[in-house]
N, C-alpha and C. Protein backbone atom coordinates (compact mmCIF):
# COMPACT_ATOMS: atom_id res chain seq x y z
N MET A 1 114.58 113.71 100.50
CA MET A 1 113.16 113.88 100.85
C MET A 1 112.98 113.71 102.35
N ASN A 2 112.23 114.63 102.94
CA ASN A 2 111.96 114.57 104.37
C ASN A 2 110.71 113.71 104.58
N LEU A 3 110.92 112.51 105.11
CA LEU A 3 109.81 111.58 105.28
C LEU A 3 109.25 111.63 106.69
N LYS A 4 107.95 111.46 106.79
CA LYS A 4 107.31 111.34 108.11
C LYS A 4 107.63 109.98 108.71
N ASP A 5 107.30 109.85 109.99
CA ASP A 5 107.53 108.57 110.66
C ASP A 5 106.64 107.47 110.10
N ASN A 6 105.50 107.83 109.49
CA ASN A 6 104.58 106.85 108.95
C ASN A 6 104.42 107.12 107.46
N THR A 7 105.29 106.52 106.66
CA THR A 7 105.34 106.77 105.22
C THR A 7 105.20 105.46 104.46
N VAL A 8 104.34 105.46 103.43
CA VAL A 8 104.24 104.30 102.54
C VAL A 8 104.85 104.69 101.20
N ALA A 9 105.79 103.86 100.74
CA ALA A 9 106.44 104.08 99.45
C ALA A 9 105.81 103.17 98.40
N VAL A 10 105.26 103.77 97.35
CA VAL A 10 104.78 103.01 96.19
C VAL A 10 105.96 102.92 95.23
N VAL A 11 106.44 101.72 94.98
CA VAL A 11 107.71 101.52 94.27
C VAL A 11 107.51 101.73 92.77
N ASP A 12 108.27 102.68 92.21
CA ASP A 12 108.21 103.00 90.79
C ASP A 12 109.48 102.47 90.12
N TYR A 13 109.36 101.29 89.50
CA TYR A 13 110.51 100.72 88.79
C TYR A 13 110.25 100.67 87.28
N GLY A 14 109.28 101.51 86.84
CA GLY A 14 109.01 101.64 85.42
C GLY A 14 107.93 100.72 84.91
N MET A 15 107.32 99.91 85.79
CA MET A 15 106.25 99.00 85.41
C MET A 15 105.13 99.13 86.44
N GLY A 16 103.93 98.72 86.05
CA GLY A 16 102.84 98.71 87.02
C GLY A 16 101.90 99.88 86.80
N ASN A 17 100.72 99.74 87.36
CA ASN A 17 99.65 100.72 87.20
C ASN A 17 99.82 101.79 88.29
N LEU A 18 100.91 102.53 88.19
CA LEU A 18 101.32 103.41 89.29
C LEU A 18 100.29 104.47 89.62
N ARG A 19 99.75 105.10 88.59
CA ARG A 19 98.85 106.23 88.86
C ARG A 19 97.64 105.79 89.66
N SER A 20 96.97 104.73 89.22
CA SER A 20 95.75 104.32 89.91
C SER A 20 96.07 103.72 91.28
N VAL A 21 97.20 102.99 91.40
CA VAL A 21 97.58 102.44 92.70
C VAL A 21 97.87 103.57 93.67
N SER A 22 98.70 104.52 93.26
CA SER A 22 99.08 105.60 94.17
C SER A 22 97.88 106.45 94.56
N GLN A 23 96.96 106.71 93.61
CA GLN A 23 95.77 107.50 93.93
C GLN A 23 94.88 106.77 94.93
N ALA A 24 94.77 105.44 94.77
CA ALA A 24 93.94 104.67 95.70
C ALA A 24 94.57 104.64 97.09
N VAL A 25 95.89 104.48 97.15
CA VAL A 25 96.56 104.47 98.45
C VAL A 25 96.44 105.84 99.12
N GLN A 26 96.57 106.90 98.32
CA GLN A 26 96.40 108.25 98.87
C GLN A 26 94.97 108.46 99.38
N ALA A 27 93.99 107.94 98.66
CA ALA A 27 92.60 108.05 99.10
C ALA A 27 92.40 107.28 100.40
N ALA A 28 93.03 106.12 100.51
CA ALA A 28 92.92 105.32 101.73
C ALA A 28 93.60 106.01 102.92
N ALA A 29 94.62 106.80 102.63
CA ALA A 29 95.36 107.49 103.69
C ALA A 29 94.73 108.82 104.10
N ALA A 30 93.72 109.28 103.37
CA ALA A 30 93.12 110.58 103.64
C ALA A 30 92.65 110.67 105.09
N GLY A 31 92.98 111.78 105.72
CA GLY A 31 92.56 112.00 107.09
C GLY A 31 93.44 111.35 108.13
N SER A 32 94.49 110.64 107.69
CA SER A 32 95.40 109.99 108.63
C SER A 32 96.75 110.69 108.60
N ALA A 33 97.67 110.21 109.40
CA ALA A 33 99.02 110.78 109.44
C ALA A 33 99.96 110.11 108.45
N VAL A 34 99.42 109.25 107.58
CA VAL A 34 100.26 108.52 106.64
C VAL A 34 100.61 109.39 105.45
N GLN A 35 101.90 109.43 105.10
CA GLN A 35 102.38 110.13 103.92
C GLN A 35 102.63 109.09 102.82
N VAL A 36 102.08 109.33 101.62
CA VAL A 36 102.25 108.42 100.49
C VAL A 36 103.23 109.04 99.49
N VAL A 37 104.27 108.30 99.13
CA VAL A 37 105.24 108.79 98.15
C VAL A 37 105.40 107.74 97.05
N VAL A 38 105.41 108.20 95.81
CA VAL A 38 105.75 107.34 94.67
C VAL A 38 107.22 107.58 94.39
N THR A 39 108.03 106.52 94.39
CA THR A 39 109.47 106.74 94.34
C THR A 39 110.21 105.71 93.52
N SER A 40 111.25 106.16 92.84
CA SER A 40 112.20 105.29 92.16
C SER A 40 113.56 105.34 92.85
N ASP A 41 113.60 105.91 94.05
CA ASP A 41 114.84 106.09 94.81
C ASP A 41 114.97 104.97 95.85
N PRO A 42 115.99 104.10 95.71
CA PRO A 42 116.15 103.01 96.68
C PRO A 42 116.26 103.50 98.12
N ASP A 43 116.86 104.66 98.33
CA ASP A 43 117.02 105.16 99.70
C ASP A 43 115.67 105.55 100.30
N VAL A 44 114.75 106.06 99.48
CA VAL A 44 113.42 106.40 99.97
C VAL A 44 112.66 105.13 100.34
N VAL A 45 112.83 104.08 99.54
CA VAL A 45 112.21 102.79 99.87
C VAL A 45 112.75 102.28 101.20
N ARG A 46 114.06 102.39 101.39
CA ARG A 46 114.67 101.94 102.66
C ARG A 46 114.17 102.75 103.84
N ALA A 47 113.90 104.04 103.63
CA ALA A 47 113.51 104.92 104.74
C ALA A 47 112.02 104.83 105.06
N ALA A 48 111.21 104.35 104.12
CA ALA A 48 109.76 104.29 104.33
C ALA A 48 109.42 103.27 105.41
N THR A 49 108.26 103.44 106.01
CA THR A 49 107.82 102.51 107.06
C THR A 49 107.02 101.34 106.51
N ARG A 50 106.48 101.48 105.28
CA ARG A 50 105.79 100.37 104.64
C ARG A 50 105.88 100.55 103.12
N ILE A 51 105.68 99.45 102.37
CA ILE A 51 105.96 99.42 100.95
C ILE A 51 104.77 98.85 100.19
N VAL A 52 104.44 99.45 99.04
CA VAL A 52 103.50 98.87 98.09
C VAL A 52 104.27 98.57 96.80
N LEU A 53 104.21 97.30 96.35
CA LEU A 53 104.90 96.86 95.14
C LEU A 53 103.86 96.52 94.08
N PRO A 54 103.60 97.46 93.15
CA PRO A 54 102.65 97.16 92.08
C PRO A 54 103.34 96.39 90.95
N GLY A 55 102.54 95.91 90.01
CA GLY A 55 103.10 95.23 88.85
C GLY A 55 102.05 95.03 87.80
N GLN A 56 102.46 95.16 86.54
CA GLN A 56 101.52 94.99 85.44
C GLN A 56 102.31 94.61 84.20
N GLY A 57 101.76 93.70 83.39
CA GLY A 57 102.46 93.25 82.20
C GLY A 57 103.12 91.91 82.43
N ALA A 58 104.20 91.64 81.68
CA ALA A 58 104.90 90.37 81.77
C ALA A 58 105.86 90.37 82.96
N ILE A 59 105.87 89.29 83.72
CA ILE A 59 106.71 89.25 84.91
C ILE A 59 108.19 89.32 84.57
N ARG A 60 108.60 88.76 83.43
CA ARG A 60 110.02 88.84 83.05
C ARG A 60 110.45 90.29 82.91
N ASP A 61 109.60 91.11 82.27
CA ASP A 61 109.91 92.54 82.12
C ASP A 61 109.93 93.24 83.47
N CYS A 62 108.97 92.90 84.33
CA CYS A 62 108.91 93.53 85.66
C CYS A 62 110.17 93.21 86.46
N MET A 63 110.58 91.95 86.47
CA MET A 63 111.78 91.57 87.22
C MET A 63 113.01 92.25 86.64
N ALA A 64 113.11 92.33 85.31
CA ALA A 64 114.27 92.96 84.68
C ALA A 64 114.34 94.45 85.03
N GLU A 65 113.18 95.12 85.02
CA GLU A 65 113.17 96.55 85.34
C GLU A 65 113.45 96.79 86.82
N LEU A 66 112.97 95.90 87.68
CA LEU A 66 113.25 96.06 89.11
C LEU A 66 114.75 95.97 89.37
N ARG A 67 115.41 95.02 88.71
CA ARG A 67 116.86 94.90 88.86
C ARG A 67 117.57 96.11 88.27
N ALA A 68 117.20 96.48 87.03
CA ALA A 68 117.89 97.56 86.33
C ALA A 68 117.73 98.90 87.04
N SER A 69 116.62 99.07 87.71
CA SER A 69 116.36 100.34 88.40
C SER A 69 117.16 100.50 89.68
N GLY A 70 117.78 99.42 90.13
CA GLY A 70 118.51 99.46 91.39
C GLY A 70 117.62 99.32 92.61
N LEU A 71 116.34 99.00 92.39
CA LEU A 71 115.39 98.94 93.49
C LEU A 71 115.24 97.54 94.10
N GLN A 72 115.73 96.51 93.42
CA GLN A 72 115.49 95.16 93.92
C GLN A 72 116.05 94.95 95.31
N GLU A 73 117.27 95.37 95.55
CA GLU A 73 117.88 95.15 96.87
C GLU A 73 117.14 95.92 97.95
N SER A 74 116.71 97.14 97.65
CA SER A 74 116.01 97.93 98.68
C SER A 74 114.64 97.31 98.97
N VAL A 75 113.98 96.75 97.97
CA VAL A 75 112.70 96.08 98.21
C VAL A 75 112.92 94.83 99.07
N LEU A 76 113.96 94.06 98.77
CA LEU A 76 114.26 92.87 99.58
C LEU A 76 114.59 93.25 101.02
N GLU A 77 115.36 94.33 101.19
CA GLU A 77 115.68 94.78 102.55
C GLU A 77 114.42 95.21 103.29
N ALA A 78 113.56 95.97 102.61
CA ALA A 78 112.33 96.44 103.24
C ALA A 78 111.43 95.26 103.60
N ALA A 79 111.37 94.27 102.71
CA ALA A 79 110.49 93.12 102.92
C ALA A 79 110.92 92.27 104.11
N ALA A 80 112.15 92.42 104.54
CA ALA A 80 112.63 91.64 105.68
C ALA A 80 112.01 92.10 106.99
N THR A 81 111.59 93.37 107.06
CA THR A 81 111.14 93.89 108.35
C THR A 81 109.88 94.75 108.29
N LYS A 82 109.51 95.26 107.11
CA LYS A 82 108.44 96.25 107.03
C LYS A 82 107.20 95.68 106.34
N PRO A 83 106.01 96.17 106.69
CA PRO A 83 104.82 95.73 105.97
C PRO A 83 104.95 96.01 104.47
N LEU A 84 104.66 95.00 103.67
CA LEU A 84 104.75 95.11 102.21
C LEU A 84 103.49 94.56 101.60
N PHE A 85 102.92 95.29 100.64
CA PHE A 85 101.70 94.88 99.92
C PHE A 85 102.07 94.72 98.45
N GLY A 86 101.98 93.49 97.92
CA GLY A 86 102.20 93.24 96.50
C GLY A 86 100.88 93.20 95.75
N VAL A 87 100.84 93.80 94.57
CA VAL A 87 99.60 93.92 93.80
C VAL A 87 99.79 93.32 92.40
N CYS A 88 98.93 92.38 92.04
CA CYS A 88 98.89 91.77 90.72
C CYS A 88 100.24 91.11 90.40
N VAL A 89 100.94 91.55 89.37
CA VAL A 89 102.26 90.96 89.09
C VAL A 89 103.21 91.25 90.25
N GLY A 90 102.98 92.33 90.98
CA GLY A 90 103.77 92.58 92.19
C GLY A 90 103.60 91.48 93.22
N MET A 91 102.47 90.79 93.22
CA MET A 91 102.29 89.60 94.06
C MET A 91 103.07 88.44 93.48
N GLN A 92 102.94 88.21 92.17
CA GLN A 92 103.61 87.07 91.54
C GLN A 92 105.13 87.15 91.69
N MET A 93 105.66 88.36 91.68
CA MET A 93 107.11 88.56 91.82
C MET A 93 107.64 88.10 93.18
N LEU A 94 106.76 88.00 94.16
CA LEU A 94 107.21 87.62 95.50
C LEU A 94 107.56 86.14 95.60
N LEU A 95 107.05 85.32 94.67
CA LEU A 95 107.25 83.88 94.76
C LEU A 95 108.60 83.47 94.16
N ASP A 96 108.86 82.17 94.19
CA ASP A 96 110.16 81.67 93.74
C ASP A 96 110.34 81.72 92.24
N HIS A 97 109.26 81.41 91.50
CA HIS A 97 109.43 81.19 90.06
C HIS A 97 108.08 81.32 89.37
N SER A 98 108.09 81.80 88.11
CA SER A 98 106.89 81.88 87.30
C SER A 98 107.06 81.09 86.01
N GLU A 99 105.99 80.39 85.62
CA GLU A 99 105.98 79.71 84.33
C GLU A 99 106.01 80.70 83.17
N GLU A 100 105.61 81.94 83.42
CA GLU A 100 105.64 82.95 82.36
C GLU A 100 107.09 83.33 82.06
N GLY A 101 107.57 82.92 80.92
CA GLY A 101 108.94 83.24 80.54
C GLY A 101 110.00 82.53 81.37
N ASP A 102 109.59 81.47 82.11
CA ASP A 102 110.55 80.73 82.95
C ASP A 102 111.36 81.71 83.80
N THR A 103 110.65 82.52 84.59
CA THR A 103 111.24 83.67 85.26
C THR A 103 111.42 83.44 86.76
N PRO A 104 112.64 83.59 87.29
CA PRO A 104 112.83 83.54 88.74
C PRO A 104 112.21 84.77 89.39
N GLY A 105 111.60 84.57 90.57
CA GLY A 105 111.04 85.68 91.32
C GLY A 105 111.96 86.09 92.46
N LEU A 106 111.40 86.82 93.41
CA LEU A 106 112.19 87.35 94.53
C LEU A 106 112.40 86.33 95.64
N GLY A 107 111.62 85.26 95.65
CA GLY A 107 111.79 84.21 96.65
C GLY A 107 111.40 84.62 98.06
N LEU A 108 110.49 85.57 98.18
CA LEU A 108 110.06 86.01 99.51
C LEU A 108 108.95 85.11 100.07
N ILE A 109 108.21 84.47 99.17
CA ILE A 109 107.19 83.49 99.56
C ILE A 109 107.43 82.24 98.73
N ALA A 110 107.56 81.11 99.38
CA ALA A 110 107.83 79.86 98.66
C ALA A 110 106.65 79.49 97.79
N GLY A 111 106.93 79.14 96.52
CA GLY A 111 105.86 78.72 95.64
C GLY A 111 106.12 79.10 94.20
N GLN A 112 105.15 78.75 93.36
CA GLN A 112 105.26 78.92 91.92
C GLN A 112 104.10 79.77 91.39
N VAL A 113 104.31 80.34 90.21
CA VAL A 113 103.25 81.03 89.49
C VAL A 113 102.91 80.19 88.28
N ARG A 114 101.64 79.78 88.18
CA ARG A 114 101.17 78.87 87.14
C ARG A 114 100.27 79.59 86.14
N LYS A 115 100.23 79.04 84.91
CA LYS A 115 99.33 79.56 83.88
C LYS A 115 98.00 78.81 83.95
N PHE A 116 96.89 79.55 83.80
CA PHE A 116 95.59 78.89 83.70
C PHE A 116 95.60 77.91 82.52
N GLN A 117 95.14 76.69 82.75
CA GLN A 117 95.02 75.68 81.70
C GLN A 117 93.53 75.38 81.50
N LEU A 118 92.86 76.22 80.72
CA LEU A 118 91.40 76.16 80.62
C LEU A 118 90.92 75.96 79.19
N ALA A 119 91.82 75.62 78.28
CA ALA A 119 91.44 75.46 76.87
C ALA A 119 90.35 74.40 76.73
N GLY A 120 89.29 74.77 76.02
CA GLY A 120 88.20 73.83 75.75
C GLY A 120 87.22 73.64 76.88
N ARG A 121 87.46 74.25 78.01
CA ARG A 121 86.56 74.07 79.15
C ARG A 121 85.45 75.11 79.11
N LEU A 122 84.29 74.71 79.61
CA LEU A 122 83.12 75.58 79.56
C LEU A 122 82.71 76.04 80.95
N GLN A 123 82.23 77.27 81.03
CA GLN A 123 81.67 77.79 82.27
C GLN A 123 80.24 77.27 82.45
N ALA A 124 79.68 77.56 83.60
CA ALA A 124 78.34 77.06 83.93
C ALA A 124 77.29 77.52 82.92
N ASP A 125 77.51 78.70 82.31
CA ASP A 125 76.53 79.22 81.34
C ASP A 125 76.77 78.70 79.93
N GLY A 126 77.75 77.79 79.78
CA GLY A 126 78.04 77.21 78.47
C GLY A 126 79.09 77.95 77.67
N SER A 127 79.51 79.13 78.13
CA SER A 127 80.55 79.88 77.42
C SER A 127 81.92 79.33 77.77
N ARG A 128 82.88 79.58 76.90
CA ARG A 128 84.24 79.12 77.15
C ARG A 128 84.93 80.01 78.18
N PHE A 129 85.78 79.41 78.98
CA PHE A 129 86.64 80.21 79.83
C PHE A 129 87.61 81.00 78.95
N LYS A 130 87.76 82.26 79.26
CA LYS A 130 88.71 83.10 78.53
C LYS A 130 89.93 83.35 79.40
N VAL A 131 91.09 83.33 78.79
CA VAL A 131 92.33 83.67 79.47
C VAL A 131 92.96 84.83 78.70
N PRO A 132 93.19 85.98 79.35
CA PRO A 132 93.14 86.18 80.80
C PRO A 132 91.72 86.24 81.36
N GLN A 133 91.62 85.91 82.66
CA GLN A 133 90.42 86.24 83.41
C GLN A 133 90.37 87.76 83.52
N MET A 134 89.27 88.34 83.16
CA MET A 134 89.17 89.80 83.20
C MET A 134 87.79 90.18 83.71
N GLY A 135 87.76 90.79 84.88
CA GLY A 135 86.49 91.22 85.44
C GLY A 135 86.38 90.93 86.93
N TRP A 136 85.16 91.05 87.43
CA TRP A 136 84.90 90.90 88.86
C TRP A 136 84.76 89.43 89.22
N ASN A 137 85.32 89.07 90.35
CA ASN A 137 85.18 87.70 90.85
C ASN A 137 85.10 87.74 92.37
N GLN A 138 84.44 86.72 92.90
CA GLN A 138 84.19 86.65 94.34
C GLN A 138 85.40 86.05 95.04
N VAL A 139 85.79 86.64 96.15
CA VAL A 139 86.97 86.19 96.90
C VAL A 139 86.55 85.63 98.25
N ARG A 140 86.97 84.41 98.50
CA ARG A 140 86.72 83.78 99.80
C ARG A 140 87.93 83.98 100.70
N GLN A 141 87.68 84.54 101.86
CA GLN A 141 88.78 84.76 102.82
C GLN A 141 89.13 83.42 103.48
N GLU A 142 90.38 83.03 103.37
CA GLU A 142 90.85 81.80 104.00
C GLU A 142 91.36 82.11 105.41
N THR A 143 91.30 81.12 106.28
CA THR A 143 91.64 81.34 107.69
C THR A 143 92.65 80.31 108.18
N PRO A 144 93.86 80.31 107.61
CA PRO A 144 94.85 79.30 108.02
C PRO A 144 95.25 79.41 109.48
N ALA A 145 95.12 80.59 110.07
CA ALA A 145 95.46 80.76 111.49
C ALA A 145 94.21 80.73 112.36
N GLY A 146 93.07 80.31 111.78
CA GLY A 146 91.83 80.23 112.53
C GLY A 146 90.96 81.46 112.43
N LYS A 147 91.47 82.51 111.81
CA LYS A 147 90.69 83.73 111.61
C LYS A 147 91.24 84.45 110.38
N PRO A 148 90.45 85.34 109.77
CA PRO A 148 90.93 86.04 108.59
C PRO A 148 92.16 86.91 108.89
N HIS A 149 92.95 87.14 107.86
CA HIS A 149 94.12 88.02 107.98
C HIS A 149 93.67 89.42 108.40
N PRO A 150 94.45 90.14 109.20
CA PRO A 150 94.05 91.49 109.64
C PRO A 150 93.75 92.46 108.50
N VAL A 151 94.36 92.27 107.33
CA VAL A 151 94.10 93.19 106.22
C VAL A 151 92.68 93.02 105.67
N TRP A 152 92.02 91.92 106.02
CA TRP A 152 90.61 91.73 105.63
C TRP A 152 89.64 92.41 106.59
N GLN A 153 90.10 93.02 107.66
CA GLN A 153 89.21 93.54 108.70
C GLN A 153 88.11 94.44 108.12
N GLY A 154 86.87 94.13 108.43
CA GLY A 154 85.75 94.95 107.98
C GLY A 154 85.30 94.69 106.55
N VAL A 155 86.02 93.83 105.83
CA VAL A 155 85.65 93.51 104.45
C VAL A 155 84.81 92.23 104.48
N PRO A 156 83.57 92.26 104.03
CA PRO A 156 82.73 91.06 104.09
C PRO A 156 83.34 89.91 103.29
N ASP A 157 83.26 88.71 103.85
CA ASP A 157 83.72 87.53 103.12
C ASP A 157 82.92 87.38 101.83
N GLU A 158 83.58 86.89 100.80
CA GLU A 158 82.99 86.67 99.48
C GLU A 158 82.60 87.98 98.79
N SER A 159 83.31 89.05 99.14
CA SER A 159 83.17 90.30 98.39
C SER A 159 83.77 90.11 96.99
N TYR A 160 83.39 91.00 96.08
CA TYR A 160 83.90 90.94 94.70
C TYR A 160 85.07 91.90 94.52
N PHE A 161 86.08 91.44 93.79
CA PHE A 161 87.25 92.24 93.46
C PHE A 161 87.56 92.09 91.97
N TYR A 162 88.32 93.04 91.45
CA TYR A 162 88.56 93.09 90.00
C TYR A 162 89.89 92.42 89.63
N PHE A 163 89.81 91.49 88.67
CA PHE A 163 90.97 90.70 88.24
C PHE A 163 91.28 90.96 86.76
N VAL A 164 92.57 90.94 86.43
CA VAL A 164 93.04 90.84 85.04
C VAL A 164 94.32 90.02 85.09
N HIS A 165 94.25 88.72 84.71
CA HIS A 165 95.46 87.89 84.80
C HIS A 165 95.30 86.57 84.06
N SER A 166 96.44 86.08 83.58
CA SER A 166 96.52 84.78 82.92
C SER A 166 97.26 83.76 83.79
N PHE A 167 97.94 84.23 84.82
CA PHE A 167 98.74 83.39 85.71
C PHE A 167 98.27 83.60 87.14
N TYR A 168 98.50 82.60 87.98
CA TYR A 168 98.06 82.69 89.37
C TYR A 168 99.12 82.08 90.28
N ALA A 169 99.08 82.46 91.54
CA ALA A 169 100.05 81.98 92.52
C ALA A 169 99.67 80.62 93.06
N GLU A 170 100.67 79.82 93.31
CA GLU A 170 100.49 78.53 93.98
C GLU A 170 101.51 78.46 95.11
N PRO A 171 101.17 79.03 96.28
CA PRO A 171 102.13 79.02 97.39
C PRO A 171 102.40 77.60 97.87
N ALA A 172 103.63 77.37 98.30
CA ALA A 172 104.02 76.03 98.74
C ALA A 172 103.37 75.65 100.05
N GLU A 173 103.07 76.65 100.88
CA GLU A 173 102.49 76.40 102.21
C GLU A 173 101.04 76.87 102.24
N ALA A 174 100.13 75.97 102.57
CA ALA A 174 98.72 76.34 102.66
C ALA A 174 98.49 77.45 103.68
N SER A 175 99.35 77.53 104.68
CA SER A 175 99.22 78.55 105.73
C SER A 175 99.46 79.95 105.20
N GLN A 176 100.01 80.06 103.98
CA GLN A 176 100.31 81.37 103.41
C GLN A 176 99.28 81.80 102.37
N CYS A 177 98.18 81.04 102.27
CA CYS A 177 97.06 81.42 101.40
C CYS A 177 95.98 82.08 102.24
N HIS A 178 95.66 83.33 101.94
CA HIS A 178 94.70 84.10 102.74
C HIS A 178 93.43 84.46 101.97
N GLY A 179 93.37 84.07 100.70
CA GLY A 179 92.16 84.32 99.93
C GLY A 179 92.17 83.46 98.68
N THR A 180 91.01 82.98 98.27
CA THR A 180 90.90 82.18 97.06
C THR A 180 89.72 82.66 96.22
N ALA A 181 89.80 82.36 94.93
CA ALA A 181 88.71 82.64 94.00
C ALA A 181 88.57 81.43 93.08
N GLU A 182 87.47 81.40 92.36
CA GLU A 182 87.17 80.27 91.48
C GLU A 182 87.18 80.75 90.03
N TYR A 183 88.02 80.13 89.21
CA TYR A 183 88.00 80.36 87.77
C TYR A 183 88.47 79.08 87.09
N GLY A 184 87.54 78.20 86.82
CA GLY A 184 87.89 76.88 86.32
C GLY A 184 88.29 75.94 87.43
N GLU A 185 89.01 76.46 88.38
CA GLU A 185 89.40 75.75 89.59
C GLU A 185 89.65 76.81 90.67
N ARG A 186 89.71 76.37 91.91
CA ARG A 186 89.96 77.33 92.99
C ARG A 186 91.45 77.63 93.05
N PHE A 187 91.81 78.91 93.13
CA PHE A 187 93.22 79.30 93.13
C PHE A 187 93.45 80.37 94.20
N ALA A 188 94.68 80.47 94.63
CA ALA A 188 95.06 81.47 95.63
C ALA A 188 95.07 82.85 94.98
N CYS A 189 94.39 83.81 95.59
CA CYS A 189 94.40 85.17 95.06
C CYS A 189 94.82 86.19 96.11
N ALA A 190 95.07 85.73 97.34
CA ALA A 190 95.66 86.59 98.38
C ALA A 190 96.62 85.70 99.17
N ILE A 191 97.86 86.12 99.25
CA ILE A 191 98.87 85.32 99.93
C ILE A 191 99.66 86.21 100.88
N GLY A 192 100.37 85.60 101.79
CA GLY A 192 101.20 86.40 102.69
C GLY A 192 101.84 85.57 103.77
N ARG A 193 102.79 86.20 104.43
CA ARG A 193 103.43 85.62 105.61
C ARG A 193 104.03 86.77 106.41
N ASP A 194 104.04 86.62 107.70
CA ASP A 194 104.69 87.61 108.57
C ASP A 194 104.24 89.03 108.21
N ASN A 195 105.15 89.84 107.68
CA ASN A 195 104.86 91.24 107.37
C ASN A 195 104.50 91.48 105.90
N ILE A 196 104.25 90.40 105.15
CA ILE A 196 103.96 90.52 103.71
C ILE A 196 102.52 90.08 103.44
N PHE A 197 101.80 90.88 102.64
CA PHE A 197 100.46 90.54 102.18
C PHE A 197 100.38 90.95 100.71
N ALA A 198 99.70 90.14 99.89
CA ALA A 198 99.65 90.45 98.47
C ALA A 198 98.39 89.88 97.85
N THR A 199 97.92 90.54 96.79
CA THR A 199 96.71 90.10 96.11
C THR A 199 96.93 90.02 94.60
N GLN A 200 96.30 89.01 93.98
CA GLN A 200 96.31 88.93 92.53
C GLN A 200 95.36 89.96 91.93
N PHE A 201 94.25 90.22 92.58
CA PHE A 201 93.30 91.21 92.09
C PHE A 201 93.82 92.61 92.36
N HIS A 202 93.15 93.58 91.76
CA HIS A 202 93.54 94.99 91.88
C HIS A 202 92.66 95.70 92.90
N PRO A 203 93.13 95.94 94.12
CA PRO A 203 92.30 96.71 95.06
C PRO A 203 91.94 98.09 94.53
N GLU A 204 92.87 98.71 93.77
CA GLU A 204 92.63 100.08 93.28
C GLU A 204 91.53 100.12 92.22
N LYS A 205 91.13 98.98 91.69
CA LYS A 205 90.04 98.92 90.71
C LYS A 205 88.79 98.26 91.32
N SER A 206 88.80 98.07 92.63
CA SER A 206 87.76 97.27 93.29
C SER A 206 86.87 98.08 94.24
N ALA A 207 86.70 99.37 93.93
CA ALA A 207 85.75 100.23 94.65
C ALA A 207 86.01 100.22 96.16
N ASP A 208 84.94 100.29 96.95
CA ASP A 208 85.08 100.52 98.40
C ASP A 208 85.83 99.39 99.10
N GLN A 209 85.61 98.14 98.67
CA GLN A 209 86.28 97.03 99.36
C GLN A 209 87.79 97.06 99.11
N GLY A 210 88.18 97.48 97.91
CA GLY A 210 89.60 97.61 97.62
C GLY A 210 90.25 98.71 98.45
N LEU A 211 89.56 99.84 98.58
CA LEU A 211 90.09 100.93 99.42
C LEU A 211 90.19 100.49 100.87
N ALA A 212 89.23 99.68 101.32
CA ALA A 212 89.28 99.18 102.69
C ALA A 212 90.53 98.33 102.91
N LEU A 213 90.91 97.52 101.92
CA LEU A 213 92.13 96.72 102.05
C LEU A 213 93.36 97.61 102.18
N TYR A 214 93.46 98.61 101.32
CA TYR A 214 94.61 99.52 101.41
C TYR A 214 94.61 100.26 102.76
N ARG A 215 93.43 100.67 103.21
CA ARG A 215 93.35 101.38 104.49
C ARG A 215 93.80 100.48 105.63
N ASN A 216 93.36 99.23 105.60
CA ASN A 216 93.78 98.29 106.64
C ASN A 216 95.29 98.07 106.60
N PHE A 217 95.84 97.97 105.38
CA PHE A 217 97.29 97.78 105.26
C PHE A 217 98.06 98.96 105.85
N LEU A 218 97.55 100.17 105.65
CA LEU A 218 98.27 101.36 106.14
C LEU A 218 98.34 101.41 107.67
N HIS A 219 97.45 100.66 108.33
CA HIS A 219 97.44 100.67 109.79
C HIS A 219 97.76 99.31 110.39
N TRP A 220 98.20 98.39 109.53
CA TRP A 220 98.56 97.03 109.96
C TRP A 220 99.95 97.03 110.59
N ASN A 221 100.04 96.47 111.78
CA ASN A 221 101.32 96.39 112.49
C ASN A 221 101.62 94.93 112.81
N PRO A 222 102.20 94.20 111.84
CA PRO A 222 102.46 92.77 112.05
C PRO A 222 103.52 92.53 113.12
């Protein structure tokens, strides 16, 4: 494949909401010089200038498919130097370990993935918390470096984004938490370090604010 100098590879390892993620990234790239490719070819991932790692379903299955597809090493190589955006389980995979299925992650961001423990607890309206959390929730932009992460540029603080998840990230370093939401307790929903940024929520299901995040990522130069 003949790739442009500015190419984003959406990694296809057999899991994840590929169609909606790729369509949203393509919409965010409209009118720019960015080429979007959906690929299961490790060499295309290596050649791309930035990477989107989606994920959906059980993390154990996602990790197994990433390894079996031959893409794990190319994703790790890309993550060492290139902008990478992890989405939903694609975010959880970046951490060291998940309680779901006692699953090791990629170890790109220090921390754990925890299960919501909300049994018997009530929301403000008297209804029970449901797991998974499913629906729109407000995201607070955290400022560990004194200002919001560049991928938040132009996105109003406390905007709403769409979530579907039973597990959440717990990064080891507070400096790597760039967004939080409240569901029974406050939890990290946007994490990152250096050239890596990731969200628990689905930007591709989050209307204009989600597209703004993808657009910012496509032009982010860490």
